[in-house]
C-alpha atoms as a PDB file:
ATOM      1  CA  UNK A   1     -48.468  94.239  -9.144  1.00  0.00           C
ATOM      2  CA  UNK A   2     -51.575  96.068  -7.966  1.00  0.00           C
ATOM      3  CA  UNK A   3     -53.844  94.124  -5.558  1.00  0.00           C
ATOM      4  CA  UNK A   4     -58.056  95.652  -5.397  1.00  0.00           C
ATOM      5  CA  UNK A   5     -60.051  94.471  -2.724  1.00  0.00           C
ATOM      6  CA  UNK A   6     -63.276  93.448  -2.566  1.00  0.00           C
ATOM      7  CA  UNK A   7     -66.702  94.982  -1.307  1.00  0.00           C
ATOM      8  CA  UNK A   8     -66.603  96.331   1.817  1.00  0.00           C
ATOM      9  CA  UNK A   9     -62.806  95.898   2.039  1.00  0.00           C
ATOM     10  CA  UNK A  10     -59.710  97.986   1.959  1.00  0.00           C
ATOM     11  CA  UNK A  11     -55.844  97.826   1.404  1.00  0.00           C
ATOM     12  CA  UNK A  12     -55.623  96.675   5.265  1.00  0.00           C
ATOM     13  CA  UNK A  13     -58.158  93.603   4.723  1.00  0.00           C
ATOM     14  CA  UNK A  14     -55.856  90.285   5.769  1.00  0.00           C
ATOM     15  CA  UNK A  15     -56.903  88.728   2.479  1.00  0.00           C
ATOM     16  CA  UNK A  16     -55.224  91.337   0.705  1.00  0.00           C
ATOM     17  CA  UNK A  17     -52.108  91.984   2.196  1.00  0.00           C
ATOM     18  CA  UNK A  18     -51.559  87.651   2.693  1.00  0.00           C
ATOM     19  CA  UNK A  19     -51.783  88.152  -1.149  1.00  0.00           C
ATOM     20  CA  UNK A  20     -49.682  91.154  -0.947  1.00  0.00           C
ATOM     21  CA  UNK A  21     -47.112  89.436   1.180  1.00  0.00           C
ATOM     22  CA  UNK A  22     -47.027  85.757  -0.924  1.00  0.00           C
ATOM     23  CA  UNK A  23     -46.386  88.270  -3.916  1.00  0.00           C
ATOM     24  CA  UNK A  24     -43.758  90.224  -2.783  1.00  0.00           C
ATOM     25  CA  UNK A  25     -41.857  86.916  -1.466  1.00  0.00           C
ATOM     26  CA  UNK A  26     -42.053  85.396  -4.827  1.00  0.00           C
ATOM     27  CA  UNK A  27     -40.291  88.276  -6.078  1.00  0.00           C
ATOM     28  CA  UNK A  28     -43.139  91.008  -7.838  1.00  0.00           C
ATOM     29  CA  UNK A  29     -43.088  94.680  -6.575  1.00  0.00           C
ATOM     30  CA  UNK A  30     -46.623  95.000  -5.410  1.00  0.00           C
ATOM     31  CA  UNK A  31     -48.848  98.236  -4.359  1.00  0.00           C
ATOM     32  CA  UNK A  32     -51.890  97.826  -3.000  1.00  0.00           C
ATOM     33  CA  UNK A  33     -54.775  99.857  -3.880  1.00  0.00           C
ATOM     34  CA  UNK A  34     -57.740 101.298  -1.808  1.00  0.00           C
ATOM     35  CA  UNK A  35     -60.454 101.919  -3.548  1.00  0.00           C
ATOM     36  CA  UNK A  36     -63.096 105.738  -3.442  1.00  0.00           C
ATOM     37  CA  UNK A  37     -64.020 105.606  -0.102  1.00  0.00           C
ATOM     38  CA  UNK A  38     -62.052 102.598   1.318  1.00  0.00           C
ATOM     39  CA  UNK A  39     -59.667 102.507   3.899  1.00  0.00           C
ATOM     40  CA  UNK A  40     -56.965 105.234   4.455  1.00  0.00           C
ATOM     41  CA  UNK A  41     -57.602 106.797   1.544  1.00  0.00           C
ATOM     42  CA  UNK A  42     -61.569 107.662   2.184  1.00  0.00           C
ATOM     43  CA  UNK A  43     -60.326 111.127   3.018  1.00  0.00           C
ATOM     44  CA  UNK A  44     -59.108 111.430   0.125  1.00  0.00           C
ATOM     45  CA  UNK A  45     -62.351 111.551  -2.504  1.00  0.00           C
ATOM     46  CA  UNK A  46     -66.010 111.044  -1.541  1.00  0.00           C
ATOM     47  CA  UNK A  47     -68.266 108.903  -2.450  1.00  0.00           C
ATOM     48  CA  UNK A  48     -67.846 104.691  -3.119  1.00  0.00           C
ATOM     49  CA  UNK A  49     -67.047 102.680  -5.633  1.00  0.00           C
ATOM     50  CA  UNK A  50     -69.138 100.267  -7.731  1.00  0.00           C
ATOM     51  CA  UNK A  51     -67.743  97.118 -10.149  1.00  0.00           C
ATOM     52  CA  UNK A  52     -67.708  99.166 -12.944  1.00  0.00           C
ATOM     53  CA  UNK A  53     -65.370 102.275 -11.790  1.00  0.00           C
ATOM     54  CA  UNK A  54     -63.399 102.565 -15.172  1.00  0.00           C
ATOM     55  CA  UNK A  55     -63.194 106.168 -14.352  1.00  0.00           C
ATOM     56  CA  UNK A  56     -61.726 105.614 -11.037  1.00  0.00           C
ATOM     57  CA  UNK A  57     -59.141 102.835 -11.974  1.00  0.00           C
ATOM     58  CA  UNK A  58     -57.885 103.478 -15.638  1.00  0.00           C
ATOM     59  CA  UNK A  59     -55.953 106.699 -14.844  1.00  0.00           C
ATOM     60  CA  UNK A  60     -54.645 104.982 -11.235  1.00  0.00           C
ATOM     61  CA  UNK A  61     -53.823 101.891 -14.093  1.00  0.00           C
ATOM     62  CA  UNK A  62     -52.361 104.564 -16.197  1.00  0.00           C
ATOM     63  CA  UNK A  63     -50.206 105.775 -13.880  1.00  0.00           C
ATOM     64  CA  UNK A  64     -49.168 102.203 -12.339  1.00  0.00           C
ATOM     65  CA  UNK A  65     -48.024 101.871 -15.542  1.00  0.00           C
ATOM     66  CA  UNK A  66     -45.570 104.674 -15.885  1.00  0.00           C
ATOM     67  CA  UNK A  67     -44.006 103.936 -12.307  1.00  0.00           C
ATOM     68  CA  UNK A  68     -43.465 100.774 -12.911  1.00  0.00           C
ATOM     69  CA  UNK A  69     -40.445 101.697 -15.719  1.00  0.00           C
ATOM     70  CA  UNK A  70     -41.048  99.406 -18.367  1.00  0.00           C
ATOM     71  CA  UNK A  71     -41.635  96.290 -16.148  1.00  0.00           C
ATOM     72  CA  UNK A  72     -44.976  94.215 -17.000  1.00  0.00           C
ATOM     73  CA  UNK A  73     -47.767  95.969 -14.739  1.00  0.00           C
ATOM     74  CA  UNK A  74     -49.776  92.742 -13.607  1.00  0.00           C
ATOM     75  CA  UNK A  75     -53.860  93.404 -11.846  1.00  0.00           C
ATOM     76  CA  UNK A  76     -54.999  90.627  -9.024  1.00  0.00           C
ATOM     77  CA  UNK A  77     -58.240  91.701  -8.127  1.00  0.00           C
ATOM     78  CA  UNK A  78     -59.744  89.477  -5.242  1.00  0.00           C
ATOM     79  CA  UNK A  79     -64.047  89.134  -5.131  1.00  0.00           C
ATOM     80  CA  UNK A  80     -65.410  92.461  -6.682  1.00  0.00           C
ATOM     81  CA  UNK A  81     -61.500  93.795  -7.362  1.00  0.00           C
ATOM     82  CA  UNK A  82     -61.402  91.008  -9.502  1.00  0.00           C
ATOM     83  CA  UNK A  83     -64.719  92.612 -11.824  1.00  0.00           C
ATOM     84  CA  UNK A  84     -63.256  95.668 -11.837  1.00  0.00           C
ATOM     85  CA  UNK A  85     -60.376  94.993 -13.008  1.00  0.00           C
ATOM     86  CA  UNK A  86     -61.939  92.678 -15.856  1.00  0.00           C
ATOM     87  CA  UNK A  87     -63.670  95.596 -16.669  1.00  0.00           C
ATOM     88  CA  UNK A  88     -61.183  97.875 -16.690  1.00  0.00           C
ATOM     89  CA  UNK A  89     -59.242  95.527 -19.389  1.00  0.00           C
ATOM     90  CA  UNK A  90     -62.356  95.103 -21.350  1.00  0.00           C
ATOM     91  CA  UNK A  91     -62.973  98.901 -21.668  1.00  0.00           C
ATOM     92  CA  UNK A  92     -59.255  99.894 -22.308  1.00  0.00           C
ATOM     93  CA  UNK A  93     -57.229  96.583 -23.738  1.00  0.00           C
ATOM     94  CA  UNK A  94     -53.557  96.799 -23.248  1.00  0.00           C
ATOM     95  CA  UNK A  95     -53.807  98.279 -19.830  1.00  0.00           C
ATOM     96  CA  UNK A  96     -52.942  95.525 -18.496  1.00  0.00           C
ATOM     97  CA  UNK A  97     -50.382  92.584 -19.414  1.00  0.00           C
ATOM     98  CA  UNK A  98     -51.303  90.138 -16.631  1.00  0.00           C
ATOM     99  CA  UNK A  99     -55.174  89.104 -15.039  1.00  0.00           C
ATOM    100  CA  UNK A 100     -55.667  87.267 -11.902  1.00  0.00           C
ATOM    101  CA  UNK A 101     -59.407  86.885 -10.249  1.00  0.00           C
ATOM    102  CA  UNK A 102     -60.186  85.582  -7.106  1.00  0.00           C
ATOM    103  CA  UNK A 103     -63.314  84.516  -6.510  1.00  0.00           C
ATOM    104  CA  UNK A 104     -64.968  87.403  -8.813  1.00  0.00           C
ATOM    105  CA  UNK A 105     -68.751  88.170 -10.029  1.00  0.00           C
ATOM    106  CA  UNK A 106     -69.084  87.461 -13.454  1.00  0.00           C
ATOM    107  CA  UNK A 107     -72.872  88.041 -12.951  1.00  0.00           C
ATOM    108  CA  UNK A 108     -74.041  90.436 -10.956  1.00  0.00           C
ATOM    109  CA  UNK A 109     -77.534  89.562 -10.598  1.00  0.00           C
ATOM    110  CA  UNK A 110     -76.856  86.143 -10.154  1.00  0.00           C
ATOM    111  CA  UNK A 111     -74.785  87.139  -7.311  1.00  0.00           C
ATOM    112  CA  UNK A 112     -77.074  89.545  -5.905  1.00  0.00           C
ATOM    113  CA  UNK A 113     -79.433  86.516  -5.770  1.00  0.00           C
ATOM    114  CA  UNK A 114     -77.754  84.203  -4.135  1.00  0.00           C
ATOM    115  CA  UNK A 115     -76.295  86.553  -1.372  1.00  0.00           C
ATOM    116  CA  UNK A 116     -80.069  86.877  -0.429  1.00  0.00           C
ATOM    117  CA  UNK A 117     -80.273  83.181  -0.081  1.00  0.00           C
ATOM    118  CA  UNK A 118     -81.540  82.059   3.656  1.00  0.00           C
ATOM    119  CA  UNK A 119     -78.525  80.534   4.370  1.00  0.00           C
ATOM    120  CA  UNK A 120     -76.776  84.123   4.429  1.00  0.00           C
ATOM    121  CA  UNK A 121     -78.884  86.321   5.889  1.00  0.00           C
ATOM    122  CA  UNK A 122     -75.647  86.857   8.864  1.00  0.00           C
ATOM    123  CA  UNK A 123     -73.898  87.473   5.787  1.00  0.00           C
ATOM    124  CA  UNK A 124     -75.956  89.686   4.264  1.00  0.00           C
ATOM    125  CA  UNK A 125     -76.503  91.811   7.494  1.00  0.00           C
ATOM    126  CA  UNK A 126     -73.205  92.116   7.674  1.00  0.00           C
ATOM    127  CA  UNK A 127     -72.015  93.248   4.571  1.00  0.00           C
ATOM    128  CA  UNK A 128     -74.941  95.927   4.387  1.00  0.00           C
ATOM    129  CA  UNK A 129     -74.210  97.275   8.020  1.00  0.00           C
ATOM    130  CA  UNK A 130     -70.789  98.166   6.918  1.00  0.00           C
ATOM    131  CA  UNK A 131     -71.657  99.325   3.342  1.00  0.00           C
ATOM    132  CA  UNK A 132     -74.218 101.812   5.323  1.00  0.00           C
ATOM    133  CA  UNK A 133     -71.573 103.063   7.725  1.00  0.00           C
ATOM    134  CA  UNK A 134     -68.744 103.547   5.184  1.00  0.00           C
ATOM    135  CA  UNK A 135     -71.274 105.510   3.406  1.00  0.00           C
ATOM    136  CA  UNK A 136     -72.928 107.616   6.043  1.00  0.00           C
ATOM    137  CA  UNK A 137     -68.842 108.362   7.148  1.00  0.00           C
ATOM    138  CA  UNK A 138     -68.266 110.272   4.142  1.00  0.00           C
ATOM    139  CA  UNK A 139     -65.886 113.102   5.455  1.00  0.00           C
ATOM    140  CA  UNK A 140     -67.274 114.652   2.366  1.00  0.00           C
ATOM    141  CA  UNK A 141     -71.015 114.034   2.870  1.00  0.00           C
ATOM    142  CA  UNK A 142     -73.910 113.172   2.085  1.00  0.00           C
ATOM    143  CA  UNK A 143     -77.130 114.287   0.565  1.00  0.00           C
ATOM    144  CA  UNK A 144     -80.518 114.576   2.463  1.00  0.00           C
ATOM    145  CA  UNK A 145     -81.872 112.015   0.803  1.00  0.00           C
ATOM    146  CA  UNK A 146     -78.955 109.307   0.464  1.00  0.00           C
ATOM    147  CA  UNK A 147     -79.033 109.281   4.030  1.00  0.00           C
ATOM    148  CA  UNK A 148     -83.014 109.434   4.350  1.00  0.00           C
ATOM    149  CA  UNK A 149     -82.996 106.384   2.025  1.00  0.00           C
ATOM    150  CA  UNK A 150     -79.722 104.438   3.961  1.00  0.00           C
ATOM    151  CA  UNK A 151     -81.459 105.151   7.882  1.00  0.00           C
ATOM    152  CA  UNK A 152     -85.327 105.981   7.013  1.00  0.00           C
ATOM    153  CA  UNK A 153     -88.264 103.290   7.191  1.00  0.00           C
ATOM    154  CA  UNK A 154     -87.807 102.102   3.701  1.00  0.00           C
ATOM    155  CA  UNK A 155     -83.396 101.434   4.644  1.00  0.00           C
ATOM    156  CA  UNK A 156     -82.330  98.609   2.440  1.00  0.00           C
ATOM    157  CA  UNK A 157     -82.492  95.471   3.443  1.00  0.00           C
ATOM    158  CA  UNK A 158     -80.070  93.975   1.209  1.00  0.00           C
ATOM    159  CA  UNK A 159     -77.374  94.496  -0.598  1.00  0.00           C
ATOM    160  CA  UNK A 160     -79.633  94.412  -3.867  1.00  0.00           C
ATOM    161  CA  UNK A 161     -81.711  97.477  -2.275  1.00  0.00           C
ATOM    162  CA  UNK A 162     -78.128  99.304  -1.726  1.00  0.00           C
ATOM    163  CA  UNK A 163     -76.845  99.171  -4.875  1.00  0.00           C
ATOM    164  CA  UNK A 164     -80.776 101.039  -5.919  1.00  0.00           C
ATOM    165  CA  UNK A 165     -80.174 103.709  -3.361  1.00  0.00           C
ATOM    166  CA  UNK A 166     -76.557 104.497  -3.617  1.00  0.00           C
ATOM    167  CA  UNK A 167     -74.172 102.250  -6.436  1.00  0.00           C
ATOM    168  CA  UNK A 168     -76.286 102.792  -9.295  1.00  0.00           C
ATOM    169  CA  UNK A 169     -77.580 106.342  -8.732  1.00  0.00           C
ATOM    170  CA  UNK A 170     -74.113 107.590  -7.847  1.00  0.00           C
ATOM    171  CA  UNK A 171     -71.865 106.227 -11.029  1.00  0.00           C
ATOM    172  CA  UNK A 172     -74.805 107.318 -13.528  1.00  0.00           C
ATOM    173  CA  UNK A 173     -76.663 103.548 -13.869  1.00  0.00           C
ATOM    174  CA  UNK A 174     -80.677 104.428 -14.969  1.00  0.00           C
ATOM    175  CA  UNK A 175     -81.467 101.243 -12.360  1.00  0.00           C
ATOM    176  CA  UNK A 176     -80.130  98.423 -10.201  1.00  0.00           C
ATOM    177  CA  UNK A 177     -81.131  96.414 -13.197  1.00  0.00           C
ATOM    178  CA  UNK A 178     -79.250  98.474 -15.523  1.00  0.00           C
ATOM    179  CA  UNK A 179     -76.160  98.811 -13.673  1.00  0.00           C
ATOM    180  CA  UNK A 180     -75.882  94.804 -13.147  1.00  0.00           C
ATOM    181  CA  UNK A 181     -75.943  94.261 -16.764  1.00  0.00           C
ATOM    182  CA  UNK A 182     -73.665  96.912 -17.896  1.00  0.00           C
ATOM    183  CA  UNK A 183     -71.440  96.377 -15.144  1.00  0.00           C
ATOM    184  CA  UNK A 184     -70.909  92.536 -15.438  1.00  0.00           C
ATOM    185  CA  UNK A 185     -68.500  91.326 -17.310  1.00  0.00           C
ATOM    186  CA  UNK A 186     -69.854  87.895 -18.155  1.00  0.00           C
ATOM    187  CA  UNK A 187     -70.940  88.942 -21.570  1.00  0.00           C
ATOM    188  CA  UNK A 188     -68.577  90.998 -22.785  1.00  0.00           C
ATOM    189  CA  UNK A 189     -65.979  87.952 -21.587  1.00  0.00           C
ATOM    190  CA  UNK A 190     -67.746  85.400 -23.952  1.00  0.00           C
ATOM    191  CA  UNK A 191     -67.781  87.676 -26.899  1.00  0.00           C
ATOM    192  CA  UNK A 192     -64.644  90.172 -26.092  1.00  0.00           C
ATOM    193  CA  UNK A 193     -61.955  87.340 -24.264  1.00  0.00           C
ATOM    194  CA  UNK A 194     -59.512  88.750 -27.285  1.00  0.00           C
ATOM    195  CA  UNK A 195     -59.061  91.639 -25.874  1.00  0.00           C
ATOM    196  CA  UNK A 196     -58.074  90.395 -22.416  1.00  0.00           C
ATOM    197  CA  UNK A 197     -54.979  89.837 -21.496  1.00  0.00           C
ATOM    198  CA  UNK A 198     -53.670  86.292 -20.456  1.00  0.00           C
ATOM    199  CA  UNK A 199     -56.023  85.671 -17.562  1.00  0.00           C
ATOM    200  CA  UNK A 200     -56.367  83.655 -14.981  1.00  0.00           C
ATOM    201  CA  UNK A 201     -60.207  82.776 -12.949  1.00  0.00           C
ATOM    202  CA  UNK A 202     -59.650  81.388  -9.707  1.00  0.00           C
ATOM    203  CA  UNK A 203     -63.195  79.828  -8.415  1.00  0.00           C
ATOM    204  CA  UNK A 204     -64.310  77.672  -5.657  1.00  0.00           C
ATOM    205  CA  UNK A 205     -67.831  75.441  -6.278  1.00  0.00           C
ATOM    206  CA  UNK A 206     -68.759  75.882  -2.966  1.00  0.00           C
ATOM    207  CA  UNK A 207     -68.527  79.331  -2.688  1.00  0.00           C
ATOM    208  CA  UNK A 208     -71.426  80.240  -1.023  1.00  0.00           C
ATOM    209  CA  UNK A 209     -71.668  84.520  -2.272  1.00  0.00           C
ATOM    210  CA  UNK A 210     -70.744  84.168  -5.571  1.00  0.00           C
ATOM    211  CA  UNK A 211     -72.097  81.406  -8.194  1.00  0.00           C
ATOM    212  CA  UNK A 212     -69.969  79.341  -9.888  1.00  0.00           C
ATOM    213  CA  UNK A 213     -71.418  79.271 -12.758  1.00  0.00           C
ATOM    214  CA  UNK A 214     -70.112  82.285 -14.516  1.00  0.00           C
ATOM    215  CA  UNK A 215     -66.237  80.698 -14.461  1.00  0.00           C
ATOM    216  CA  UNK A 216     -68.028  77.327 -15.624  1.00  0.00           C
ATOM    217  CA  UNK A 217     -69.440  78.853 -18.702  1.00  0.00           C
ATOM    218  CA  UNK A 218     -65.948  80.420 -19.390  1.00  0.00           C
ATOM    219  CA  UNK A 219     -64.441  77.298 -19.021  1.00  0.00           C
ATOM    220  CA  UNK A 220     -66.972  75.308 -21.517  1.00  0.00           C
ATOM    221  CA  UNK A 221     -65.911  78.233 -23.862  1.00  0.00           C
ATOM    222  CA  UNK A 222     -62.166  77.218 -24.110  1.00  0.00           C
ATOM    223  CA  UNK A 223     -61.573  80.897 -25.288  1.00  0.00           C
ATOM    224  CA  UNK A 224     -57.960  81.395 -25.841  1.00  0.00           C
ATOM    225  CA  UNK A 225     -56.089  83.589 -23.096  1.00  0.00           C
ATOM    226  CA  UNK A 226     -58.778  82.910 -20.421  1.00  0.00           C
ATOM    227  CA  UNK A 227     -57.342  79.713 -18.268  1.00  0.00           C
ATOM    228  CA  UNK A 228     -59.904  78.782 -15.613  1.00  0.00           C
ATOM    229  CA  UNK A 229     -59.290  77.131 -11.840  1.00  0.00           C
ATOM    230  CA  UNK A 230     -62.103  75.673 -10.234  1.00  0.00           C
ATOM    231  CA  UNK A 231     -62.012  73.983  -7.079  1.00  0.00           C
ATOM    232  CA  UNK A 232     -64.279  71.766  -5.633  1.00  0.00           C
ATOM    233  CA  UNK A 233     -63.785  73.602  -1.730  1.00  0.00           C
ATOM    234  CA  UNK A 234     -62.787  76.702  -0.781  1.00  0.00           C
ATOM    235  CA  UNK A 235     -65.341  78.640  -0.192  1.00  0.00           C
ATOM    236  CA  UNK A 236     -64.918  82.737  -1.211  1.00  0.00           C
ATOM    237  CA  UNK A 237     -61.273  83.633  -1.126  1.00  0.00           C
ATOM    238  CA  UNK A 238     -60.684  80.574   1.097  1.00  0.00           C
ATOM    239  CA  UNK A 239     -57.935  78.569  -0.642  1.00  0.00           C
ATOM    240  CA  UNK A 240     -56.640  76.906   2.803  1.00  0.00           C
ATOM    241  CA  UNK A 241     -55.104  73.801   3.374  1.00  0.00           C
ATOM    242  CA  UNK A 242     -52.722  71.462   4.900  1.00  0.00           C
ATOM    243  CA  UNK A 243     -49.409  72.645   5.037  1.00  0.00           C
ATOM    244  CA  UNK A 244     -49.743  76.160   3.577  1.00  0.00           C
ATOM    245  CA  UNK A 245     -47.003  78.178   4.817  1.00  0.00           C
ATOM    246  CA  UNK A 246     -47.453  80.970   7.364  1.00  0.00           C
ATOM    247  CA  UNK A 247     -49.088  84.091   6.572  1.00  0.00           C
ATOM    248  CA  UNK A 248     -49.706  82.358   2.753  1.00  0.00           C
ATOM    249  CA  UNK A 249     -52.210  80.195   1.474  1.00  0.00           C
ATOM    250  CA  UNK A 250     -51.864  77.785  -1.314  1.00  0.00           C
ATOM    251  CA  UNK A 251     -54.514  79.981  -3.596  1.00  0.00           C
ATOM    252  CA  UNK A 252     -52.352  82.862  -2.894  1.00  0.00           C
ATOM    253  CA  UNK A 253     -49.035  80.614  -4.457  1.00  0.00           C
ATOM    254  CA  UNK A 254     -50.798  78.885  -7.064  1.00  0.00           C
ATOM    255  CA  UNK A 255     -51.705  83.014  -8.160  1.00  0.00           C
ATOM    256  CA  UNK A 256     -47.822  83.467  -7.999  1.00  0.00           C
ATOM    257  CA  UNK A 257     -46.881  80.499  -9.954  1.00  0.00           C
ATOM    258  CA  UNK A 258     -48.896  81.500 -12.650  1.00  0.00           C
ATOM    259  CA  UNK A 259     -47.981  84.850 -12.798  1.00  0.00           C
ATOM    260  CA  UNK A 260     -44.021  83.741 -12.897  1.00  0.00           C
ATOM    261  CA  UNK A 261     -44.550  81.165 -15.872  1.00  0.00           C
ATOM    262  CA  UNK A 262     -46.252  83.657 -17.945  1.00  0.00           C
ATOM    263  CA  UNK A 263     -44.277  84.198 -20.682  1.00  0.00           C
END
């Protein structure tokens, strides 16, 4: 089992660690991955990650497949981590045997618009500060142009602004709109779902940051191999309830149960 964190996170974030403990308790061997520029892996590679970072992720999945020693290889991504897994599976069918995405963006442009809503002002400011600090703390350094973009008078005030200044150019996209279009898995899921392994998408209708509309559309299409679970409540990866076990939540248990019952 390979676990991927979300935007601004790392292998040390509470939600990822909690999910890992639940999956270990269910009998899975678990690897928690730090994406480029994140957490304890910060000193190993320069730069930052993106929603579609196949050139980073696919070699890792290939190595994980070898180390699995013939056992099935599953992937679970929280938030943007699930987006990355979907993009990797669409780029290289067969790279994973099962995929689970919890609260994952399927349309990056819509997600960017939702994060900019007035109700999310505090969250966006917190996340933006975290992303800028993470980028500027790169032990390999940043370019003068990037430093000016992040610290100058025109520094980004939104996640879209950060992606325009840093993410899109670093990953070779012509613009932030080009990045959002090409890194959003929803259009390719609708046309190439057969290329995916059995997949579970867990999303709450009241997610304040990631619109549920993409998951709802997939549920309406009833695509073979894609199971969508929509809940009225749960927010963004907050699938907790009365009676949850310590260091777990019902969302984690749902993921473990779904993976164990797959043939």
